[in-house]
Amino acid sequence: MYRLEDSLWKIEKYEDELLTNTILYNQLPLKFPNDQKNYILKRLENSNIPNIQEDAEGNVYVPFINNENAQTSLVFTTVDEVTEPLVERFVRVQKGKISGTGAVTSSLKIAALITLINFLHNENITLNNNVIFLFLNQARKNKFLSLGQFLQNNINKLDYAIKINSINLGDLGHRSLGKYVYKLRFYSPDLMHKKFKSPSTLEILYKITSDLKDNSDMEGTSISIQKLDKFKDNTEVILEIKSEGDQDLETISENLRSTVGELANRYKSRIKLNLLSYIPSSLIPKDHPFIEQISEIQKNLGLKTNFCPLGRDEALIIKSGIPAISLGIAKGEVTEENEFFERDEITKGLTQILMILDNVVAENILEESIEDIIDEETD
């Protein structure tokens, strides 16, 4: 077995493998629901990776346990649902960069995780700490359930977590805004209520949002309408509430529920309210030792640390009591017209992950149950 510091220079040999996996994964035909997961399993099996595991939620994970007394980190990324599988996902290999729909938002992060696993296995490397690599199955309606179930089964084994994002190299996600996303469905008044002069759906919606802003005018909060669709017998609205603090978030959310009930009763209208998703507000301070260790590694690699927001997966992990951050591994850009990542320094992005796994130690920061925040309400 070899130590990481003696073999780290070999990571450059794996750049072509990473790019190949990015291209092949991105161009999968996606004829069946499990095509993405099956590709990951096949690539790992072809590399003779030992101890490949899959749970009931479709999560694929690979443990590297070298020392039962050492810390264990979770390194994960998401296997995302492709909403339009028939859209062309051809990848263009240009001088110095890789571009194409899905190359950044879907495929690079998957390829990076496969590459890290192959590097450790093929080079016969023993890290100072243990690590579990996880391909988190989010190609499903309930985006929280797969992570929640994995944490329930493995939470006692984990000391910290890293989510791999494709871009941007130097990013260090350490905090998240709390967020509720609700669906409101306004149904046409029943015939028996036509004798009442009821306001229009838009008027009721205006009253709801106005009441929320009047009663929840708190710093660091926002309320916004994300989508409004008119159907034959109902109008559907997606409403998003954000806040820097969980208490403020709960206050606004409770105001929404009470306001909807009050207006529905006052105007004899049927209004259905459903919670679509929830992200708790989470924060690891910039001066926390866990963050400082990672920043120092980035500095040693010549990377300028850019503190940025966390996603909902990392926020959920922090709420479960485990320090969690997110990291970018390449430079690139995503726009409405195109997405690309640069080949330059991509091995540096992989190197930062490996150095963190080998050197960083952390302590649990919270003691909260995961069970209360993994369920999403749906129609």
Protein backbone atom coordinates (compact mmCIF):
# COMPACT_ATOMS: atom_id res chain seq x y z
CA MET A 1 0.00 0.00 0.00
CA TYR A 2 1.21 3.51 -0.82
CA ARG A 3 0.72 6.80 0.96
CA LEU A 4 -1.11 9.59 -0.84
CA GLU A 5 1.79 12.05 -0.75
CA ASP A 6 3.98 9.54 -2.63
CA SER A 7 1.43 9.00 -5.39
CA LEU A 8 -0.43 12.29 -5.77
CA TRP A 9 1.53 13.25 -8.89
CA LYS A 10 -0.07 10.28 -10.69
CA ILE A 11 -3.51 11.94 -10.66
CA GLU A 12 -2.59 13.71 -13.91
CA LYS A 13 -2.69 10.34 -15.68
CA TYR A 14 -6.41 10.17 -14.91
CA GLU A 15 -7.46 13.34 -16.73
CA ASP A 16 -8.29 11.50 -19.96
CA GLU A 17 -10.33 8.94 -18.01
CA LEU A 18 -12.31 11.73 -16.33
CA LEU A 19 -13.04 13.39 -19.67
CA THR A 20 -14.04 10.07 -21.26
CA ASN A 21 -16.48 9.30 -18.45
CA THR A 22 -17.92 12.80 -18.68
CA ILE A 23 -18.60 12.38 -22.39
CA LEU A 24 -19.98 8.83 -22.21
CA TYR A 25 -22.21 9.57 -19.23
CA ASN A 26 -23.55 12.74 -20.82
CA GLN A 27 -24.41 10.99 -24.09
CA LEU A 28 -26.28 8.05 -22.54
CA PRO A 29 -29.48 7.31 -24.53
CA LEU A 30 -31.54 7.23 -21.27
CA LYS A 31 -34.17 4.84 -22.58
CA PHE A 32 -34.86 3.37 -19.13
CA PRO A 33 -35.07 4.91 -15.61
CA ASN A 34 -31.90 3.24 -14.27
CA ASP A 35 -29.60 3.88 -17.25
CA GLN A 36 -27.48 6.42 -15.34
CA LYS A 37 -27.10 4.23 -12.26
CA ASN A 38 -26.30 1.17 -14.41
CA TYR A 39 -23.58 3.11 -16.21
CA ILE A 40 -21.95 3.99 -12.88
CA LEU A 41 -22.14 0.40 -11.65
CA LYS A 42 -20.70 -0.95 -14.91
CA ARG A 43 -17.76 1.46 -14.89
CA LEU A 44 -16.92 0.57 -11.29
CA GLU A 45 -17.29 -3.15 -11.90
CA ASN A 46 -15.10 -2.99 -15.02
CA SER A 47 -12.38 -1.43 -12.84
CA ASN A 48 -12.72 -4.31 -10.34
CA ILE A 49 -13.61 -1.92 -7.53
CA PRO A 50 -14.33 -3.98 -4.40
CA ASN A 51 -17.27 -3.58 -2.03
CA ILE A 52 -19.64 -1.75 -4.40
CA GLN A 53 -22.97 -1.38 -2.62
CA GLU A 54 -26.48 -0.27 -3.52
CA ASP A 55 -29.35 0.44 -1.12
CA ALA A 56 -33.11 0.26 -1.49
CA GLU A 57 -33.31 3.91 -2.61
CA GLY A 58 -31.00 3.34 -5.57
CA ASN A 59 -27.97 5.00 -3.97
CA VAL A 60 -24.64 3.52 -5.09
CA TYR A 61 -21.72 3.80 -2.68
CA VAL A 62 -18.17 2.53 -2.24
CA PRO A 63 -16.51 2.48 1.22
CA PHE A 64 -12.72 2.72 1.64
CA ILE A 65 -12.27 1.74 5.29
CA ASN A 66 -8.60 1.49 6.21
CA ASN A 67 -8.69 2.15 9.95
CA GLU A 68 -11.76 1.61 12.13
CA ASN A 69 -10.41 4.17 14.62
CA ALA A 70 -9.88 6.94 12.04
CA GLN A 71 -12.38 9.54 10.93
CA THR A 72 -14.74 8.77 8.07
CA SER A 73 -15.75 11.31 5.46
CA LEU A 74 -18.64 11.15 3.02
CA VAL A 75 -17.80 12.35 -0.50
CA PHE A 76 -20.89 12.49 -2.66
CA THR A 77 -22.53 13.91 -5.70
CA THR A 78 -26.02 13.61 -7.15
CA VAL A 79 -27.39 11.44 -9.93
CA ASP A 80 -29.96 13.91 -11.17
CA GLU A 81 -33.15 13.28 -13.09
CA VAL A 82 -32.92 14.31 -16.75
CA THR A 83 -36.25 16.01 -17.41
CA GLU A 84 -35.86 16.04 -21.19
CA PRO A 85 -33.96 12.85 -22.13
CA LEU A 86 -34.60 13.33 -25.87
CA VAL A 87 -32.78 16.66 -25.97
CA GLU A 88 -29.40 16.32 -27.68
CA ARG A 89 -26.65 15.95 -25.07
CA PHE A 90 -23.74 15.72 -27.47
CA VAL A 91 -20.45 16.86 -25.97
CA ARG A 92 -18.04 18.99 -27.99
CA VAL A 93 -14.33 18.65 -27.22
CA GLN A 94 -12.74 21.98 -28.05
CA LYS A 95 -9.28 23.34 -27.42
CA GLY A 96 -8.97 23.71 -23.71
CA LYS A 97 -12.64 23.09 -22.84
CA ILE A 98 -15.54 20.65 -22.94
CA SER A 99 -19.02 21.95 -23.75
CA GLY A 100 -22.55 20.66 -24.27
CA THR A 101 -25.91 20.43 -22.52
CA GLY A 102 -25.46 18.51 -19.28
CA ALA A 103 -21.66 18.39 -19.40
CA VAL A 104 -21.37 20.66 -16.36
CA THR A 105 -24.74 20.38 -14.63
CA SER A 106 -24.97 16.60 -14.83
CA SER A 107 -21.91 14.67 -15.96
CA LEU A 108 -18.58 16.13 -14.81
CA LYS A 109 -19.32 15.59 -11.11
CA ILE A 110 -20.24 11.93 -11.72
CA ALA A 111 -17.07 11.39 -13.75
CA ALA A 112 -14.99 13.04 -11.00
CA LEU A 113 -16.28 10.66 -8.35
CA ILE A 114 -15.61 7.61 -10.55
CA THR A 115 -12.10 8.92 -11.25
CA LEU A 116 -11.30 9.45 -7.56
CA ILE A 117 -12.44 5.91 -6.74
CA ASN A 118 -10.37 4.42 -9.58
CA PHE A 119 -7.31 6.44 -8.61
CA LEU A 120 -7.33 5.22 -5.00
CA HIS A 121 -7.97 1.63 -6.05
CA ASN A 122 -5.63 1.36 -9.03
CA GLU A 123 -2.74 3.11 -7.30
CA ASN A 124 -3.27 1.03 -4.16
CA ILE A 125 -3.35 4.12 -1.93
CA THR A 126 -4.12 4.14 1.78
CA LEU A 127 -5.49 7.43 3.13
CA ASN A 128 -5.03 8.58 6.71
CA ASN A 129 -8.81 8.66 7.08
CA ASN A 130 -11.68 6.51 5.84
CA VAL A 131 -14.02 7.63 3.09
CA ILE A 132 -17.37 6.59 1.65
CA PHE A 133 -18.02 7.66 -1.94
CA LEU A 134 -21.73 8.08 -2.65
CA PHE A 135 -23.66 8.52 -5.90
CA LEU A 136 -26.87 9.95 -4.46
CA ASN A 137 -29.96 8.94 -6.40
CA GLN A 138 -32.09 12.04 -6.97
CA ALA A 139 -33.68 10.86 -10.22
CA ARG A 140 -36.97 10.58 -8.35
CA LYS A 141 -39.91 12.70 -7.22
CA ASN A 142 -38.91 12.94 -3.56
CA LYS A 143 -35.45 14.52 -3.72
CA PHE A 144 -34.88 14.37 0.03
CA LEU A 145 -35.75 10.74 0.66
CA SER A 146 -32.66 9.08 -0.83
CA LEU A 147 -30.26 11.24 1.23
CA GLY A 148 -32.41 11.03 4.35
CA GLN A 149 -32.53 7.26 4.23
CA PHE A 150 -28.78 7.00 3.59
CA LEU A 151 -28.05 9.21 6.59
CA GLN A 152 -30.38 7.25 8.82
CA ASN A 153 -28.47 4.07 7.95
CA ASN A 154 -24.95 5.54 8.12
CA ILE A 155 -25.00 8.68 10.26
CA ASN A 156 -23.07 7.09 13.14
CA LYS A 157 -20.19 6.26 10.78
CA LEU A 158 -19.64 9.78 9.42
CA ASP A 159 -17.53 12.66 10.72
CA TYR A 160 -17.94 15.15 7.85
CA ALA A 161 -19.24 15.37 4.29
CA ILE A 162 -18.13 16.93 1.01
CA LYS A 163 -20.45 17.44 -1.92
CA ILE A 164 -18.69 17.63 -5.28
CA ASN A 165 -20.03 20.24 -7.68
CA SER A 166 -18.69 20.59 -11.20
CA ILE A 167 -17.80 24.29 -11.00
CA ASN A 168 -16.31 26.62 -9.81
CA LEU A 169 -12.81 25.70 -8.66
CA GLY A 170 -12.08 27.56 -5.43
CA ASP A 171 -15.71 27.61 -4.27
CA LEU A 172 -16.29 26.61 -0.66
CA GLY A 173 -19.96 26.36 0.27
CA HIS A 174 -20.49 26.83 3.99
CA ARG A 175 -24.00 28.23 4.58
CA SER A 176 -27.52 27.96 3.17
CA LEU A 177 -30.67 30.04 3.24
CA GLY A 178 -33.69 28.30 4.65
CA LYS A 179 -36.35 27.77 2.01
CA TYR A 180 -39.92 26.51 1.74
CA VAL A 181 -41.50 25.93 -1.67
CA TYR A 182 -45.30 25.66 -1.67
CA LYS A 183 -47.85 24.87 -4.34
CA LEU A 184 -51.17 26.72 -4.05
CA ARG A 185 -54.06 25.51 -6.16
CA PHE A 186 -57.06 27.83 -6.47
CA TYR A 187 -60.19 26.02 -7.63
CA SER A 188 -63.12 27.68 -9.40
CA PRO A 189 -66.03 28.46 -6.99
CA ASP A 190 -68.72 25.80 -6.74
CA LEU A 191 -72.06 26.61 -8.38
CA MET A 192 -73.69 26.95 -4.95
CA HIS A 193 -71.36 29.84 -4.19
CA LYS A 194 -71.93 31.82 -7.38
CA LYS A 195 -74.40 34.10 -5.63
CA PHE A 196 -71.50 35.42 -3.53
CA LYS A 197 -69.37 38.09 -5.09
CA SER A 198 -65.94 36.50 -4.75
CA PRO A 199 -62.65 38.13 -5.74
CA SER A 200 -60.64 36.67 -8.60
CA THR A 201 -57.81 34.21 -8.05
CA LEU A 202 -55.26 36.94 -8.69
CA GLU A 203 -56.91 39.19 -6.13
CA ILE A 204 -56.81 36.43 -3.51
CA LEU A 205 -53.17 35.69 -4.38
CA TYR A 206 -52.34 39.38 -4.00
CA LYS A 207 -54.00 39.40 -0.57
CA ILE A 208 -51.98 36.35 0.48
CA THR A 209 -48.60 37.75 -0.57
CA SER A 210 -49.40 41.22 0.81
CA ASP A 211 -50.40 39.76 4.16
CA LEU A 212 -47.21 37.71 4.33
CA LYS A 213 -45.01 40.71 3.61
CA ASP A 214 -46.89 42.91 6.09
CA ASN A 215 -46.67 40.37 8.90
CA SER A 216 -43.25 38.93 8.14
CA ASP A 217 -41.14 41.96 7.26
CA MET A 218 -37.93 40.46 8.59
CA GLU A 219 -34.37 41.17 7.50
CA GLY A 220 -32.92 38.46 5.26
CA THR A 221 -36.28 37.09 4.13
CA SER A 222 -37.99 37.03 0.74
CA ILE A 223 -41.28 35.81 -0.71
CA SER A 224 -41.61 35.27 -4.44
CA ILE A 225 -43.93 33.66 -7.00
CA GLN A 226 -41.91 31.23 -9.11
CA LYS A 227 -44.65 30.03 -11.44
CA LEU A 228 -48.33 30.66 -12.25
CA ASP A 229 -50.36 28.37 -14.52
CA LYS A 230 -54.04 28.67 -15.44
CA PHE A 231 -55.97 25.46 -16.09
CA LYS A 232 -59.61 24.72 -16.94
CA ASP A 233 -60.90 24.49 -13.36
CA ASN A 234 -57.99 25.75 -11.25
CA THR A 235 -55.00 28.05 -11.11
CA GLU A 236 -51.68 26.70 -9.83
CA VAL A 237 -49.05 28.89 -8.15
CA ILE A 238 -45.55 27.97 -6.95
CA LEU A 239 -44.57 30.20 -4.01
CA GLU A 240 -41.07 30.34 -2.57
CA ILE A 241 -40.19 31.61 0.91
CA LYS A 242 -36.53 32.18 1.89
CA SER A 243 -34.97 33.28 5.16
CA GLU A 244 -31.58 33.40 6.88
CA GLY A 245 -33.06 32.04 10.10
CA ASP A 246 -35.16 28.96 10.77
CA GLN A 247 -37.37 30.78 13.29
CA ASP A 248 -38.27 33.51 10.81
CA LEU A 249 -38.86 30.88 8.15
CA GLU A 250 -41.27 29.00 10.38
CA THR A 251 -43.09 32.22 11.30
CA ILE A 252 -43.65 33.13 7.64
CA SER A 253 -44.68 29.60 6.79
CA GLU A 254 -47.22 29.52 9.61
CA ASN A 255 -48.57 32.89 8.48
CA LEU A 256 -49.05 31.46 5.00
CA ARG A 257 -51.04 28.48 6.26
CA SER A 258 -53.28 30.60 8.47
CA THR A 259 -53.82 33.26 5.79
CA VAL A 260 -54.81 30.68 3.18
CA GLY A 261 -57.30 29.10 5.57
CA GLU A 262 -58.77 32.47 6.55
CA LEU A 263 -59.22 33.69 2.96
CA ALA A 264 -60.65 30.38 1.77
CA ASN A 265 -63.26 30.56 4.53
CA ARG A 266 -64.02 34.26 4.00
CA TYR A 267 -64.60 33.96 0.24
CA LYS A 268 -66.04 30.45 0.22
CA SER A 269 -63.21 29.38 -2.06
CA ARG A 270 -61.35 26.10 -2.23
CA ILE A 271 -57.60 26.62 -1.93
CA LYS A 272 -55.26 23.64 -1.64
CA LEU A 273 -51.81 24.18 -0.10
CA ASN A 274 -49.00 21.63 -0.49
CA LEU A 275 -45.39 21.73 0.66
CA LEU A 276 -43.13 20.78 -2.26
CA SER A 277 -39.71 21.09 -0.62
CA TYR A 278 -37.87 22.37 2.41
CA ILE A 279 -34.26 23.39 2.97
CA PRO A 280 -33.20 24.23 6.53
CA SER A 281 -30.96 27.25 7.10
CA SER A 282 -27.49 26.03 7.98
CA LEU A 283 -24.14 27.63 8.68
CA ILE A 284 -20.58 26.65 9.45
CA PRO A 285 -18.73 29.88 10.37
CA LYS A 286 -15.76 30.89 8.22
CA ASP A 287 -13.51 30.73 11.28
CA HIS A 288 -14.61 27.20 12.19
CA PRO A 289 -11.53 24.89 12.32
CA PHE A 290 -13.11 22.59 9.72
CA ILE A 291 -13.45 25.45 7.23
CA GLU A 292 -10.02 26.86 8.05
CA GLN A 293 -8.32 23.52 7.33
CA ILE A 294 -9.94 23.32 3.90
CA SER A 295 -9.14 26.95 3.11
CA GLU A 296 -5.49 26.30 3.97
CA ILE A 297 -5.35 23.35 1.56
CA GLN A 298 -6.85 25.49 -1.19
CA LYS A 299 -4.29 28.21 -0.45
CA ASN A 300 -1.43 25.70 -0.69
CA LEU A 301 -2.72 24.66 -4.12
CA GLY A 302 -2.80 28.26 -5.29
CA LEU A 303 -6.59 28.50 -5.15
CA LYS A 304 -8.39 31.57 -3.87
CA THR A 305 -11.20 30.49 -1.57
CA ASN A 306 -14.60 31.83 -2.61
CA PHE A 307 -17.21 31.40 0.11
CA CYS A 308 -20.56 30.60 -1.46
CA PRO A 309 -24.01 29.19 -0.56
CA LEU A 310 -24.69 25.55 0.21
CA GLY A 311 -27.32 23.43 -1.48
CA ARG A 312 -30.14 21.58 0.24
CA ASP A 313 -28.24 18.29 0.52
CA GLU A 314 -25.39 19.81 2.52
CA ALA A 315 -27.86 21.82 4.61
CA LEU A 316 -29.70 18.64 5.51
CA ILE A 317 -26.46 16.92 6.50
CA ILE A 318 -25.46 19.84 8.74
CA LYS A 319 -28.86 19.69 10.43
CA SER A 320 -28.17 16.03 11.19
CA GLY A 321 -25.08 17.03 13.17
CA ILE A 322 -22.33 16.47 10.59
CA PRO A 323 -20.17 19.30 9.18
CA ALA A 324 -20.73 19.52 5.43
CA ILE A 325 -19.37 21.71 2.66
CA SER A 326 -19.44 21.81 -1.14
CA LEU A 327 -16.50 22.21 -3.50
CA GLY A 328 -16.09 22.95 -7.19
CA ILE A 329 -13.49 21.00 -9.16
CA ALA A 330 -13.15 22.90 -12.44
CA LYS A 331 -13.49 26.33 -13.96
CA GLY A 332 -16.43 26.85 -16.26
CA GLU A 333 -19.75 28.51 -16.91
CA VAL A 334 -23.43 27.64 -17.33
CA THR A 335 -25.75 29.89 -19.32
CA GLU A 336 -29.12 29.42 -20.98
CA GLU A 337 -27.40 28.91 -24.31
CA ASN A 338 -24.47 26.71 -23.32
CA GLU A 339 -22.40 25.18 -20.56
CA PHE A 340 -18.72 24.29 -20.52
CA PHE A 341 -15.81 23.52 -18.24
CA GLU A 342 -12.11 24.13 -18.81
CA ARG A 343 -9.59 21.29 -18.85
CA ASP A 344 -6.90 23.47 -17.33
CA GLU A 345 -6.48 22.82 -13.58
CA ILE A 346 -9.10 20.07 -13.43
CA THR A 347 -6.57 17.71 -11.85
CA LYS A 348 -5.96 20.42 -9.25
CA GLY A 349 -9.67 20.17 -8.44
CA LEU A 350 -9.32 16.44 -7.83
CA THR A 351 -6.13 16.97 -5.84
CA GLN A 352 -7.87 19.30 -3.37
CA ILE A 353 -10.45 16.59 -2.63
CA LEU A 354 -7.77 13.97 -2.03
CA MET A 355 -5.72 16.25 0.23
CA ILE A 356 -8.79 17.11 2.29
CA LEU A 357 -9.65 13.43 2.70
CA ASP A 358 -6.13 12.66 3.84
CA ASN A 359 -5.60 15.57 6.22
CA VAL A 360 -8.77 17.26 7.49
CA VAL A 361 -10.38 16.32 10.81
CA ALA A 362 -13.74 17.54 12.09
CA GLU A 363 -16.10 17.35 15.03
CA ASN A 364 -19.87 17.07 14.96
CA ILE A 365 -21.50 20.48 15.32
CA LEU A 366 -25.17 19.76 16.04
CA GLU A 367 -27.34 17.13 17.61
CA GLU A 368 -30.63 17.05 15.70
CA SER A 369 -32.73 14.22 14.37
CA ILE A 370 -32.82 13.73 10.63
CA GLU A 371 -36.26 12.11 10.64
CA ASP A 372 -38.28 15.32 10.92
CA ILE A 373 -36.87 16.93 7.79
CA ILE A 374 -36.63 14.24 5.10
CA ASP A 375 -40.30 13.91 4.17
CA GLU A 376 -41.76 16.06 1.44
CA GLU A 377 -45.51 16.54 1.11
CA THR A 378 -46.86 15.90 -2.35
CA ASP A 379 -50.25 15.71 -4.02
